[in-house]
Amino acid sequence: MRGYIHSIESLGTVDGPGVRFVVFFQGCPLRCLYCHNPDTWAFGGGTEYEAQQIIDKMVRNLPFYETGGITATGGEPLMQLEFLTQLFKLAKEKSIHTCLDTSGITFDKSDTSKFDELMEVCDLVMLDIKHMDEKEHIRLTGASNRHVFDFLAYLKEKGKPVWIRHVIVPGITYDEGQLMSLGKYLSAFDNVERIDVLPYHTLGVSKYEAMGDDYPLKGVPQLTKSDAQRALEIINSAKYN
């Protein structure tokens, strides 16, 4: 079995606990307006790898990852679910901590058998919640958010630790009502260990230009650190009160 990989980062520090070996999967069904990796969207691109080849790359420097592990991100790793599961199985054979960074958009609660197999070898899920309102989520990403919520409910049933990630964009997700709604929703999930707010930035603009595409959020200012902190305070005030 071979997977399509966009790139690999050997010393990631923001993709889970500790120092991470970060594998960026190629292919994503979403078209988030603020995406800073549009070069990961296309399916069938990237470099072909066998799962063992990726693990072999990691174990050359295994001491670096004693407090960390391997993170699968993208793109959307769940688009290559069987390959992802094989990769994590090989990692667990070497007692490597495994983390999945996902939107959960491909989850289908009518048949969870393949997800069950993945969860047996997945230690942590970092779940991106893009927007609480379904219509706004569709406008922002091109897809409904119901699969995301189904996936979080599934992770609760499995008792799987979850870190929530939420990008704060001025004029889109930087909205007190939306943030309060997110906090209240998350209050029902005791498996959510952490909430990270990610300030919107424009680092991906050059990639759109290189691809010959217009940047969807041209003119939207980057979010300040103080506004990001306020957003987190709003979420937490709703979650814990």
C-alpha atoms as a PDB file:
ATOM      1  CA  MET A   1       0.000   0.000   0.000  1.00  0.00           C
ATOM      2  CA  ARG A   2       1.273   3.413  -0.951  1.00  0.00           C
ATOM      3  CA  GLY A   3       0.116   6.855   0.139  1.00  0.00           C
ATOM      4  CA  TYR A   4       0.378  10.295  -1.416  1.00  0.00           C
ATOM      5  CA  ILE A   5       2.355  12.673   0.769  1.00  0.00           C
ATOM      6  CA  HIS A   6       2.767  16.396   0.168  1.00  0.00           C
ATOM      7  CA  SER A   7       5.750  16.894   2.475  1.00  0.00           C
ATOM      8  CA  ILE A   8       7.370  15.853   5.757  1.00  0.00           C
ATOM      9  CA  GLU A   9       8.590  18.112   8.568  1.00  0.00           C
ATOM     10  CA  SER A  10      11.091  16.469  10.890  1.00  0.00           C
ATOM     11  CA  LEU A  11      10.955  18.846  13.869  1.00  0.00           C
ATOM     12  CA  GLY A  12       7.416  20.151  14.297  1.00  0.00           C
ATOM     13  CA  THR A  13       6.582  21.914  17.555  1.00  0.00           C
ATOM     14  CA  VAL A  14       2.961  23.031  17.054  1.00  0.00           C
ATOM     15  CA  ASP A  15       1.380  19.773  15.871  1.00  0.00           C
ATOM     16  CA  GLY A  16       0.761  17.967  19.131  1.00  0.00           C
ATOM     17  CA  PRO A  17       2.695  17.398  22.358  1.00  0.00           C
ATOM     18  CA  GLY A  18       6.480  17.545  22.274  1.00  0.00           C
ATOM     19  CA  VAL A  19       8.624  17.485  19.158  1.00  0.00           C
ATOM     20  CA  ARG A  20       6.748  15.896  16.253  1.00  0.00           C
ATOM     21  CA  PHE A  21       7.553  14.149  13.003  1.00  0.00           C
ATOM     22  CA  VAL A  22       4.838  15.753  10.867  1.00  0.00           C
ATOM     23  CA  VAL A  23       3.497  14.059   7.730  1.00  0.00           C
ATOM     24  CA  PHE A  24       1.448  16.286   5.413  1.00  0.00           C
ATOM     25  CA  PHE A  25      -0.979  14.136   3.415  1.00  0.00           C
ATOM     26  CA  GLN A  26      -1.884  15.168  -0.122  1.00  0.00           C
ATOM     27  CA  GLY A  27      -5.532  15.776  -0.986  1.00  0.00           C
ATOM     28  CA  CYS A  28      -8.384  17.621   0.734  1.00  0.00           C
ATOM     29  CA  PRO A  29     -12.130  17.839  -0.031  1.00  0.00           C
ATOM     30  CA  LEU A  30     -12.538  21.226   1.687  1.00  0.00           C
ATOM     31  CA  ARG A  31     -11.835  24.631   0.181  1.00  0.00           C
ATOM     32  CA  CYS A  32     -11.441  26.785   3.273  1.00  0.00           C
ATOM     33  CA  LEU A  33     -11.261  30.459   2.360  1.00  0.00           C
ATOM     34  CA  TYR A  34      -8.336  30.994   4.730  1.00  0.00           C
ATOM     35  CA  CYS A  35      -6.395  27.838   3.791  1.00  0.00           C
ATOM     36  CA  HIS A  36      -2.649  28.528   3.701  1.00  0.00           C
ATOM     37  CA  ASN A  37      -1.804  25.200   2.033  1.00  0.00           C
ATOM     38  CA  PRO A  38      -3.834  25.194  -1.222  1.00  0.00           C
ATOM     39  CA  ASP A  39      -1.056  23.132  -2.778  1.00  0.00           C
ATOM     40  CA  THR A  40      -2.274  20.162  -0.688  1.00  0.00           C
ATOM     41  CA  TRP A  41      -5.781  20.172  -2.183  1.00  0.00           C
ATOM     42  CA  ALA A  42      -5.267  18.144  -5.368  1.00  0.00           C
ATOM     43  CA  PHE A  43      -5.617  14.368  -5.130  1.00  0.00           C
ATOM     44  CA  GLY A  44      -3.027  12.080  -6.653  1.00  0.00           C
ATOM     45  CA  GLY A  45      -0.240  14.622  -6.401  1.00  0.00           C
ATOM     46  CA  GLY A  46       2.625  14.690  -3.971  1.00  0.00           C
ATOM     47  CA  THR A  47       5.189  11.931  -3.500  1.00  0.00           C
ATOM     48  CA  GLU A  48       4.289   8.265  -3.198  1.00  0.00           C
ATOM     49  CA  TYR A  49       5.497   6.557  -0.033  1.00  0.00           C
ATOM     50  CA  GLU A  50       5.091   3.192   1.572  1.00  0.00           C
ATOM     51  CA  ALA A  51       4.187   3.511   5.243  1.00  0.00           C
ATOM     52  CA  GLN A  52       7.369   1.721   6.271  1.00  0.00           C
ATOM     53  CA  GLN A  53       9.473   4.249   4.348  1.00  0.00           C
ATOM     54  CA  ILE A  54       8.005   7.064   6.433  1.00  0.00           C
ATOM     55  CA  ILE A  55       8.614   5.249   9.710  1.00  0.00           C
ATOM     56  CA  ASP A  56      12.165   4.465   8.616  1.00  0.00           C
ATOM     57  CA  LYS A  57      12.768   8.185   8.080  1.00  0.00           C
ATOM     58  CA  MET A  58      11.504   8.932  11.558  1.00  0.00           C
ATOM     59  CA  VAL A  59      13.386   6.252  13.495  1.00  0.00           C
ATOM     60  CA  ARG A  60      16.739   7.522  12.208  1.00  0.00           C
ATOM     61  CA  ASN A  61      16.313  10.324  14.748  1.00  0.00           C
ATOM     62  CA  LEU A  62      13.985   8.626  17.217  1.00  0.00           C
ATOM     63  CA  PRO A  63      15.606  10.140  20.357  1.00  0.00           C
ATOM     64  CA  PHE A  64      14.360  13.576  19.239  1.00  0.00           C
ATOM     65  CA  TYR A  65      10.773  12.364  19.582  1.00  0.00           C
ATOM     66  CA  GLU A  66      10.907  10.854  23.073  1.00  0.00           C
ATOM     67  CA  THR A  67       8.437  13.451  24.398  1.00  0.00           C
ATOM     68  CA  GLY A  68       6.613  13.801  21.073  1.00  0.00           C
ATOM     69  CA  GLY A  69       5.717  11.464  18.255  1.00  0.00           C
ATOM     70  CA  ILE A  70       4.260  11.388  14.763  1.00  0.00           C
ATOM     71  CA  THR A  71       1.456  13.646  13.520  1.00  0.00           C
ATOM     72  CA  ALA A  72      -0.590  13.097  10.359  1.00  0.00           C
ATOM     73  CA  THR A  73      -1.953  16.337   8.928  1.00  0.00           C
ATOM     74  CA  GLY A  74      -2.630  17.705   5.483  1.00  0.00           C
ATOM     75  CA  GLY A  75      -4.497  18.155   3.351  1.00  0.00           C
ATOM     76  CA  GLU A  76      -6.905  15.721   4.977  1.00  0.00           C
ATOM     77  CA  PRO A  77      -5.330  12.463   6.232  1.00  0.00           C
ATOM     78  CA  LEU A  78      -8.691  10.691   6.516  1.00  0.00           C
ATOM     79  CA  MET A  79      -8.961  10.770   2.717  1.00  0.00           C
ATOM     80  CA  GLN A  80      -6.288   8.039   2.815  1.00  0.00           C
ATOM     81  CA  LEU A  81      -7.748   6.219   5.797  1.00  0.00           C
ATOM     82  CA  GLU A  82      -6.300   2.758   5.174  1.00  0.00           C
ATOM     83  CA  PHE A  83      -2.803   4.083   4.537  1.00  0.00           C
ATOM     84  CA  LEU A  84      -3.048   6.302   7.618  1.00  0.00           C
ATOM     85  CA  THR A  85      -4.074   3.317   9.739  1.00  0.00           C
ATOM     86  CA  GLN A  86      -1.148   1.282   8.447  1.00  0.00           C
ATOM     87  CA  LEU A  87       1.244   4.148   9.194  1.00  0.00           C
ATOM     88  CA  PHE A  88      -0.008   4.461  12.771  1.00  0.00           C
ATOM     89  CA  LYS A  89       0.121   0.692  13.301  1.00  0.00           C
ATOM     90  CA  LEU A  90       3.790   0.686  12.346  1.00  0.00           C
ATOM     91  CA  ALA A  91       4.387   3.653  14.654  1.00  0.00           C
ATOM     92  CA  LYS A  92       2.744   1.909  17.622  1.00  0.00           C
ATOM     93  CA  GLU A  93       4.924  -1.166  17.024  1.00  0.00           C
ATOM     94  CA  LYS A  94       7.798   1.117  18.018  1.00  0.00           C
ATOM     95  CA  SER A  95       5.831   2.726  20.882  1.00  0.00           C
ATOM     96  CA  ILE A  96       5.621   6.063  19.036  1.00  0.00           C
ATOM     97  CA  HIS A  97       2.864   8.482  20.111  1.00  0.00           C
ATOM     98  CA  THR A  98       0.398   9.037  17.262  1.00  0.00           C
ATOM     99  CA  CYS A  99      -1.624  12.177  16.604  1.00  0.00           C
ATOM    100  CA  LEU A 100      -4.205  12.881  13.892  1.00  0.00           C
ATOM    101  CA  ASP A 101      -4.848  16.476  12.798  1.00  0.00           C
ATOM    102  CA  THR A 102      -8.144  16.441  10.905  1.00  0.00           C
ATOM    103  CA  SER A 103     -11.311  18.294   9.986  1.00  0.00           C
ATOM    104  CA  GLY A 104     -13.338  15.089  10.504  1.00  0.00           C
ATOM    105  CA  ILE A 105     -15.227  15.965   7.337  1.00  0.00           C
ATOM    106  CA  THR A 106     -15.111  12.437   5.881  1.00  0.00           C
ATOM    107  CA  PHE A 107     -16.536  10.678   8.944  1.00  0.00           C
ATOM    108  CA  ASP A 108     -19.599   8.525   8.276  1.00  0.00           C
ATOM    109  CA  LYS A 109     -21.422   7.389  11.400  1.00  0.00           C
ATOM    110  CA  SER A 110     -23.350   4.740   9.442  1.00  0.00           C
ATOM    111  CA  ASP A 111     -20.198   2.613   9.119  1.00  0.00           C
ATOM    112  CA  THR A 112     -17.414   3.196  11.615  1.00  0.00           C
ATOM    113  CA  SER A 113     -15.514  -0.082  11.200  1.00  0.00           C
ATOM    114  CA  LYS A 114     -12.473   1.458   9.493  1.00  0.00           C
ATOM    115  CA  PHE A 115     -12.461   4.377  11.922  1.00  0.00           C
ATOM    116  CA  ASP A 116     -12.592   1.892  14.815  1.00  0.00           C
ATOM    117  CA  GLU A 117      -9.451   0.245  13.450  1.00  0.00           C
ATOM    118  CA  LEU A 118      -7.694   3.612  13.205  1.00  0.00           C
ATOM    119  CA  MET A 119      -8.687   4.646  16.725  1.00  0.00           C
ATOM    120  CA  GLU A 120      -7.015   1.522  18.147  1.00  0.00           C
ATOM    121  CA  VAL A 121      -3.647   3.005  17.108  1.00  0.00           C
ATOM    122  CA  CYS A 122      -4.371   6.738  17.444  1.00  0.00           C
ATOM    123  CA  ASP A 123      -3.426   8.377  20.742  1.00  0.00           C
ATOM    124  CA  LEU A 124      -4.697  11.923  20.157  1.00  0.00           C
ATOM    125  CA  VAL A 125      -6.991  13.726  17.722  1.00  0.00           C
ATOM    126  CA  MET A 126      -6.600  17.418  16.940  1.00  0.00           C
ATOM    127  CA  LEU A 127      -9.987  18.347  15.476  1.00  0.00           C
ATOM    128  CA  ASP A 128     -10.555  21.518  13.461  1.00  0.00           C
ATOM    129  CA  ILE A 129     -13.954  23.074  14.049  1.00  0.00           C
ATOM    130  CA  LYS A 130     -14.285  25.718  11.355  1.00  0.00           C
ATOM    131  CA  HIS A 131     -17.632  27.325  12.238  1.00  0.00           C
ATOM    132  CA  MET A 132     -20.601  26.423  14.442  1.00  0.00           C
ATOM    133  CA  ASP A 133     -23.290  27.630  12.021  1.00  0.00           C
ATOM    134  CA  GLU A 134     -23.893  25.168   9.192  1.00  0.00           C
ATOM    135  CA  LYS A 135     -24.654  27.783   6.514  1.00  0.00           C
ATOM    136  CA  GLU A 136     -21.563  29.775   7.468  1.00  0.00           C
ATOM    137  CA  HIS A 137     -19.517  26.577   7.516  1.00  0.00           C
ATOM    138  CA  ILE A 138     -20.617  25.814   3.969  1.00  0.00           C
ATOM    139  CA  ARG A 139     -19.750  29.335   2.885  1.00  0.00           C
ATOM    140  CA  LEU A 140     -16.362  29.093   4.583  1.00  0.00           C
ATOM    141  CA  THR A 141     -15.350  25.582   3.509  1.00  0.00           C
ATOM    142  CA  GLY A 142     -17.742  24.366   0.812  1.00  0.00           C
ATOM    143  CA  ALA A 143     -19.176  21.586   3.019  1.00  0.00           C
ATOM    144  CA  SER A 144     -21.593  21.007   5.909  1.00  0.00           C
ATOM    145  CA  ASN A 145     -20.257  20.702   9.465  1.00  0.00           C
ATOM    146  CA  ARG A 146     -22.536  17.823  10.510  1.00  0.00           C
ATOM    147  CA  HIS A 147     -19.851  15.181   9.848  1.00  0.00           C
ATOM    148  CA  VAL A 148     -17.475  17.138  12.091  1.00  0.00           C
ATOM    149  CA  PHE A 149     -19.942  17.091  14.972  1.00  0.00           C
ATOM    150  CA  ASP A 150     -20.699  13.407  14.358  1.00  0.00           C
ATOM    151  CA  PHE A 151     -16.984  12.675  14.539  1.00  0.00           C
ATOM    152  CA  LEU A 152     -16.546  14.526  17.827  1.00  0.00           C
ATOM    153  CA  ALA A 153     -19.471  12.587  19.315  1.00  0.00           C
ATOM    154  CA  TYR A 154     -17.853   9.369  18.108  1.00  0.00           C
ATOM    155  CA  LEU A 155     -14.527  10.350  19.700  1.00  0.00           C
ATOM    156  CA  LYS A 156     -16.329  10.962  22.995  1.00  0.00           C
ATOM    157  CA  GLU A 157     -17.847   7.473  22.829  1.00  0.00           C
ATOM    158  CA  LYS A 158     -14.361   6.082  22.229  1.00  0.00           C
ATOM    159  CA  GLY A 159     -12.919   8.089  25.106  1.00  0.00           C
ATOM    160  CA  LYS A 160     -10.332   9.483  22.727  1.00  0.00           C
ATOM    161  CA  PRO A 161      -8.445  12.606  23.876  1.00  0.00           C
ATOM    162  CA  VAL A 162      -9.183  15.606  21.664  1.00  0.00           C
ATOM    163  CA  TRP A 163      -7.576  18.988  21.170  1.00  0.00           C
ATOM    164  CA  ILE A 164      -9.900  21.453  19.419  1.00  0.00           C
ATOM    165  CA  ARG A 165      -8.446  23.882  16.900  1.00  0.00           C
ATOM    166  CA  HIS A 166     -10.409  26.929  15.764  1.00  0.00           C
ATOM    167  CA  VAL A 167      -9.137  29.541  13.324  1.00  0.00           C
ATOM    168  CA  ILE A 168     -10.221  33.060  14.272  1.00  0.00           C
ATOM    169  CA  VAL A 169     -10.838  35.217  11.184  1.00  0.00           C
ATOM    170  CA  PRO A 170     -11.924  38.874  11.457  1.00  0.00           C
ATOM    171  CA  GLY A 171     -15.463  39.260  10.157  1.00  0.00           C
ATOM    172  CA  ILE A 172     -16.049  35.495   9.872  1.00  0.00           C
ATOM    173  CA  THR A 173     -15.313  33.516  13.042  1.00  0.00           C
ATOM    174  CA  TYR A 174     -14.314  36.430  15.250  1.00  0.00           C
ATOM    175  CA  ASP A 175     -17.900  36.813  16.398  1.00  0.00           C
ATOM    176  CA  GLU A 176     -18.966  36.685  20.037  1.00  0.00           C
ATOM    177  CA  GLY A 177     -22.154  34.730  19.364  1.00  0.00           C
ATOM    178  CA  GLN A 178     -20.329  32.115  17.300  1.00  0.00           C
ATOM    179  CA  LEU A 179     -17.573  31.803  19.916  1.00  0.00           C
ATOM    180  CA  MET A 180     -20.106  31.481  22.754  1.00  0.00           C
ATOM    181  CA  SER A 181     -21.912  28.786  20.782  1.00  0.00           C
ATOM    182  CA  LEU A 182     -18.653  26.873  20.344  1.00  0.00           C
ATOM    183  CA  GLY A 183     -17.845  27.065  24.052  1.00  0.00           C
ATOM    184  CA  LYS A 184     -21.313  25.879  25.109  1.00  0.00           C
ATOM    185  CA  TYR A 185     -21.170  23.025  22.626  1.00  0.00           C
ATOM    186  CA  LEU A 186     -17.768  21.839  23.844  1.00  0.00           C
ATOM    187  CA  SER A 187     -18.910  21.861  27.473  1.00  0.00           C
ATOM    188  CA  ALA A 188     -20.617  18.512  26.832  1.00  0.00           C
ATOM    189  CA  PHE A 189     -17.358  16.780  25.869  1.00  0.00           C
ATOM    190  CA  ASP A 190     -15.194  15.663  28.783  1.00  0.00           C
ATOM    191  CA  ASN A 191     -12.660  14.186  26.355  1.00  0.00           C
ATOM    192  CA  VAL A 192     -11.741  17.654  25.040  1.00  0.00           C
ATOM    193  CA  GLU A 193      -8.458  18.331  26.808  1.00  0.00           C
ATOM    194  CA  ARG A 194      -7.498  21.581  25.165  1.00  0.00           C
ATOM    195  CA  ILE A 195      -8.812  24.379  22.947  1.00  0.00           C
ATOM    196  CA  ASP A 196      -6.406  26.231  20.672  1.00  0.00           C
ATOM    197  CA  VAL A 197      -7.414  29.395  18.854  1.00  0.00           C
ATOM    198  CA  LEU A 198      -5.346  30.004  15.744  1.00  0.00           C
ATOM    199  CA  PRO A 199      -5.086  33.652  14.655  1.00  0.00           C
ATOM    200  CA  TYR A 200      -5.815  34.179  10.975  1.00  0.00           C
ATOM    201  CA  HIS A 201      -2.699  35.079   8.966  1.00  0.00           C
ATOM    202  CA  THR A 202      -1.868  35.745   5.317  1.00  0.00           C
ATOM    203  CA  LEU A 203       1.207  33.518   4.937  1.00  0.00           C
ATOM    204  CA  GLY A 204      -0.481  31.510   2.194  1.00  0.00           C
ATOM    205  CA  VAL A 205      -1.071  34.437  -0.185  1.00  0.00           C
ATOM    206  CA  SER A 206       2.140  33.785  -2.106  1.00  0.00           C
ATOM    207  CA  LYS A 207       1.060  30.196  -2.771  1.00  0.00           C
ATOM    208  CA  TYR A 208      -2.177  31.359  -4.391  1.00  0.00           C
ATOM    209  CA  GLU A 209      -0.217  33.801  -6.521  1.00  0.00           C
ATOM    210  CA  ALA A 210       2.213  31.060  -7.553  1.00  0.00           C
ATOM    211  CA  MET A 211      -0.741  28.859  -8.537  1.00  0.00           C
ATOM    212  CA  GLY A 212      -2.291  31.709 -10.536  1.00  0.00           C
ATOM    213  CA  ASP A 213      -5.350  31.892  -8.263  1.00  0.00           C
ATOM    214  CA  ASP A 214      -6.963  34.850  -6.527  1.00  0.00           C
ATOM    215  CA  TYR A 215      -6.687  34.837  -2.755  1.00  0.00           C
ATOM    216  CA  PRO A 216     -10.271  34.558  -1.401  1.00  0.00           C
ATOM    217  CA  LEU A 217      -9.780  36.782   1.651  1.00  0.00           C
ATOM    218  CA  LYS A 218      -7.791  39.560   0.059  1.00  0.00           C
ATOM    219  CA  GLY A 219      -7.922  42.640   2.259  1.00  0.00           C
ATOM    220  CA  VAL A 220      -8.880  40.808   5.463  1.00  0.00           C
ATOM    221  CA  PRO A 221      -6.404  41.878   8.172  1.00  0.00           C
ATOM    222  CA  GLN A 222      -4.444  39.393  10.232  1.00  0.00           C
ATOM    223  CA  LEU A 223      -5.816  38.794  13.719  1.00  0.00           C
ATOM    224  CA  THR A 224      -3.866  40.326  16.585  1.00  0.00           C
ATOM    225  CA  LYS A 225      -2.635  38.259  19.532  1.00  0.00           C
ATOM    226  CA  SER A 226      -4.829  40.279  21.887  1.00  0.00           C
ATOM    227  CA  ASP A 227      -7.930  39.538  19.806  1.00  0.00           C
ATOM    228  CA  ALA A 228      -7.005  35.843  19.731  1.00  0.00           C
ATOM    229  CA  GLN A 229      -6.721  35.855  23.513  1.00  0.00           C
ATOM    230  CA  ARG A 230     -10.106  37.558  23.818  1.00  0.00           C
ATOM    231  CA  ALA A 231     -11.643  34.935  21.510  1.00  0.00           C
ATOM    232  CA  LEU A 232     -10.300  32.138  23.725  1.00  0.00           C
ATOM    233  CA  GLU A 233     -11.632  33.881  26.823  1.00  0.00           C
ATOM    234  CA  ILE A 234     -15.108  34.052  25.254  1.00  0.00           C
ATOM    235  CA  ILE A 235     -15.035  30.341  24.382  1.00  0.00           C
ATOM    236  CA  ASN A 236     -13.866  29.379  27.855  1.00  0.00           C
ATOM    237  CA  SER A 237     -16.385  31.633  29.582  1.00  0.00           C
ATOM    238  CA  ALA A 238     -19.180  29.753  27.807  1.00  0.00           C
ATOM    239  CA  LYS A 239     -17.603  26.321  28.288  1.00  0.00           C
ATOM    240  CA  TYR A 240     -16.933  26.558  31.999  1.00  0.00           C
ATOM    241  CA  ASN A 241     -19.862  28.699  33.175  1.00  0.00           C
END
